[in-house]
C-alpha atoms as a PDB file:
ATOM      1  CA  UNK A   1      39.123-187.891 130.873  1.00  0.00           C
ATOM      2  CA  UNK A   2      38.587-185.563 128.000  1.00  0.00           C
ATOM      3  CA  UNK A   3      39.736-185.714 123.839  1.00  0.00           C
ATOM      4  CA  UNK A   4      41.689-183.002 123.253  1.00  0.00           C
ATOM      5  CA  UNK A   5      41.268-182.434 119.845  1.00  0.00           C
ATOM      6  CA  UNK A   6      44.575-180.305 117.870  1.00  0.00           C
ATOM      7  CA  UNK A   7      43.371-178.121 114.864  1.00  0.00           C
ATOM      8  CA  UNK A   8      46.214-177.191 112.796  1.00  0.00           C
ATOM      9  CA  UNK A   9      46.267-174.234 111.468  1.00  0.00           C
ATOM     10  CA  UNK A  10      45.479-172.991 107.745  1.00  0.00           C
ATOM     11  CA  UNK A  11      47.229-170.825 106.285  1.00  0.00           C
ATOM     12  CA  UNK A  12      45.416-168.789 103.081  1.00  0.00           C
ATOM     13  CA  UNK A  13      46.071-167.863 100.474  1.00  0.00           C
ATOM     14  CA  UNK A  14      44.292-166.655  97.554  1.00  0.00           C
ATOM     15  CA  UNK A  15      43.210-167.739  94.720  1.00  0.00           C
ATOM     16  CA  UNK A  16      45.477-167.567  91.213  1.00  0.00           C
ATOM     17  CA  UNK A  17      42.473-166.120  89.709  1.00  0.00           C
ATOM     18  CA  UNK A  18      41.571-163.631  92.531  1.00  0.00           C
ATOM     19  CA  UNK A  19      44.992-161.946  92.560  1.00  0.00           C
ATOM     20  CA  UNK A  20      44.588-158.343  91.988  1.00  0.00           C
ATOM     21  CA  UNK A  21      47.191-155.987  90.023  1.00  0.00           C
ATOM     22  CA  UNK A  22      45.979-153.131  91.391  1.00  0.00           C
ATOM     23  CA  UNK A  23      46.808-154.579  94.893  1.00  0.00           C
ATOM     24  CA  UNK A  24      50.023-156.200  93.873  1.00  0.00           C
ATOM     25  CA  UNK A  25      51.379-152.746  93.651  1.00  0.00           C
ATOM     26  CA  UNK A  26      49.076-151.355  96.153  1.00  0.00           C
ATOM     27  CA  UNK A  27      51.743-153.466  98.557  1.00  0.00           C
ATOM     28  CA  UNK A  28      54.509-153.419  97.412  1.00  0.00           C
ATOM     29  CA  UNK A  29      54.495-150.194  96.704  1.00  0.00           C
ATOM     30  CA  UNK A  30      56.518-149.952 100.458  1.00  0.00           C
ATOM     31  CA  UNK A  31      60.487-150.127  99.307  1.00  0.00           C
ATOM     32  CA  UNK A  32      61.010-153.269 102.418  1.00  0.00           C
ATOM     33  CA  UNK A  33      58.693-154.802 100.429  1.00  0.00           C
ATOM     34  CA  UNK A  34      59.848-154.955  97.166  1.00  0.00           C
ATOM     35  CA  UNK A  35      62.950-156.207  98.301  1.00  0.00           C
ATOM     36  CA  UNK A  36      61.837-158.768  99.790  1.00  0.00           C
ATOM     37  CA  UNK A  37      60.611-159.654  96.085  1.00  0.00           C
ATOM     38  CA  UNK A  38      63.924-159.572  95.267  1.00  0.00           C
ATOM     39  CA  UNK A  39      65.262-161.416  98.431  1.00  0.00           C
ATOM     40  CA  UNK A  40      63.217-164.548  97.241  1.00  0.00           C
ATOM     41  CA  UNK A  41      63.683-164.243  93.443  1.00  0.00           C
ATOM     42  CA  UNK A  42      66.145-167.381  93.924  1.00  0.00           C
ATOM     43  CA  UNK A  43      63.739-169.551  94.607  1.00  0.00           C
ATOM     44  CA  UNK A  44      65.280-170.668  98.183  1.00  0.00           C
ATOM     45  CA  UNK A  45      62.635-170.088 101.106  1.00  0.00           C
ATOM     46  CA  UNK A  46      63.182-169.043 104.021  1.00  0.00           C
ATOM     47  CA  UNK A  47      62.324-168.355 107.436  1.00  0.00           C
ATOM     48  CA  UNK A  48      60.586-164.613 108.841  1.00  0.00           C
ATOM     49  CA  UNK A  49      64.091-164.527 111.024  1.00  0.00           C
ATOM     50  CA  UNK A  50      66.243-164.667 107.905  1.00  0.00           C
ATOM     51  CA  UNK A  51      64.918-161.636 105.867  1.00  0.00           C
ATOM     52  CA  UNK A  52      63.923-159.885 108.876  1.00  0.00           C
ATOM     53  CA  UNK A  53      68.296-159.848 109.319  1.00  0.00           C
ATOM     54  CA  UNK A  54      68.851-159.600 105.076  1.00  0.00           C
ATOM     55  CA  UNK A  55      66.395-156.458 105.610  1.00  0.00           C
ATOM     56  CA  UNK A  56      68.386-155.122 108.694  1.00  0.00           C
ATOM     57  CA  UNK A  57      64.847-154.640 110.516  1.00  0.00           C
ATOM     58  CA  UNK A  58      62.926-155.983 113.731  1.00  0.00           C
ATOM     59  CA  UNK A  59      61.131-160.041 113.341  1.00  0.00           C
ATOM     60  CA  UNK A  60      58.003-157.356 114.385  1.00  0.00           C
ATOM     61  CA  UNK A  61      58.516-155.257 111.508  1.00  0.00           C
ATOM     62  CA  UNK A  62      59.015-158.152 108.845  1.00  0.00           C
ATOM     63  CA  UNK A  63      55.497-160.733 110.075  1.00  0.00           C
ATOM     64  CA  UNK A  64      53.812-157.788 109.360  1.00  0.00           C
ATOM     65  CA  UNK A  65      55.270-156.783 105.866  1.00  0.00           C
ATOM     66  CA  UNK A  66      55.514-160.627 105.254  1.00  0.00           C
ATOM     67  CA  UNK A  67      51.257-161.233 106.764  1.00  0.00           C
ATOM     68  CA  UNK A  68      50.312-158.304 103.722  1.00  0.00           C
ATOM     69  CA  UNK A  69      52.364-159.707 101.547  1.00  0.00           C
ATOM     70  CA  UNK A  70      51.058-163.480 101.601  1.00  0.00           C
ATOM     71  CA  UNK A  71      47.159-161.862 102.242  1.00  0.00           C
ATOM     72  CA  UNK A  72      47.725-159.596  98.335  1.00  0.00           C
ATOM     73  CA  UNK A  73      48.440-163.585  96.844  1.00  0.00           C
ATOM     74  CA  UNK A  74      52.644-162.596  96.553  1.00  0.00           C
ATOM     75  CA  UNK A  75      54.707-165.024  98.055  1.00  0.00           C
ATOM     76  CA  UNK A  76      53.583-168.526 100.464  1.00  0.00           C
ATOM     77  CA  UNK A  77      53.974-169.584 103.457  1.00  0.00           C
ATOM     78  CA  UNK A  78      54.194-173.106 104.604  1.00  0.00           C
ATOM     79  CA  UNK A  79      54.257-174.683 107.812  1.00  0.00           C
ATOM     80  CA  UNK A  80      57.154-175.802 109.537  1.00  0.00           C
ATOM     81  CA  UNK A  81      56.716-176.452 112.419  1.00  0.00           C
ATOM     82  CA  UNK A  82      56.448-174.166 114.474  1.00  0.00           C
ATOM     83  CA  UNK A  83      58.036-171.755 111.529  1.00  0.00           C
ATOM     84  CA  UNK A  84      56.919-170.675 108.634  1.00  0.00           C
ATOM     85  CA  UNK A  85      59.220-170.725 105.873  1.00  0.00           C
ATOM     86  CA  UNK A  86      58.044-168.213 103.290  1.00  0.00           C
ATOM     87  CA  UNK A  87      58.321-168.206  99.076  1.00  0.00           C
ATOM     88  CA  UNK A  88      57.378-165.933  96.424  1.00  0.00           C
ATOM     89  CA  UNK A  89      54.545-166.491  94.077  1.00  0.00           C
ATOM     90  CA  UNK A  90      56.497-166.730  91.181  1.00  0.00           C
ATOM     91  CA  UNK A  91      55.265-169.171  89.352  1.00  0.00           C
ATOM     92  CA  UNK A  92      51.312-167.748  90.228  1.00  0.00           C
ATOM     93  CA  UNK A  93      52.211-163.988  90.026  1.00  0.00           C
ATOM     94  CA  UNK A  94      53.498-164.911  86.132  1.00  0.00           C
ATOM     95  CA  UNK A  95      50.218-166.387  85.313  1.00  0.00           C
ATOM     96  CA  UNK A  96      48.278-164.359  85.941  1.00  0.00           C
ATOM     97  CA  UNK A  97      50.027-161.564  85.089  1.00  0.00           C
ATOM     98  CA  UNK A  98      53.210-162.565  82.683  1.00  0.00           C
ATOM     99  CA  UNK A  99      56.316-160.021  82.700  1.00  0.00           C
ATOM    100  CA  UNK A 100      55.070-158.746  86.334  1.00  0.00           C
ATOM    101  CA  UNK A 101      57.740-160.836  88.842  1.00  0.00           C
ATOM    102  CA  UNK A 102      61.205-160.318  85.772  1.00  0.00           C
ATOM    103  CA  UNK A 103      59.453-157.111  86.301  1.00  0.00           C
ATOM    104  CA  UNK A 104      59.731-156.850  89.669  1.00  0.00           C
ATOM    105  CA  UNK A 105      63.341-158.681  90.054  1.00  0.00           C
ATOM    106  CA  UNK A 106      65.070-155.809  88.006  1.00  0.00           C
ATOM    107  CA  UNK A 107      68.084-153.868  89.436  1.00  0.00           C
ATOM    108  CA  UNK A 108      68.005-151.113  87.517  1.00  0.00           C
END
């Protein structure tokens, strides 16, 4: 009987030093994504379903936004069973662009 090798998908996150301000700002140009940043700014990781409910968006739409945000380096996704917990990479963003998170989360 052949052995079954299971490989765990590694979730790619860009390195802090490779974060690009133009990419971040282009990604956050969508009001829904900016609202997601503000939601995650409290430091509590959330599942996609929680975020989509809070944003009033379908899960598929939320997943799309979260993928773009992760690829830009704004959020971090951590595998937990079949779910992914999403958090803001606030420390990485602050290290690369001091003051950016404060500007993004300010309520005007």
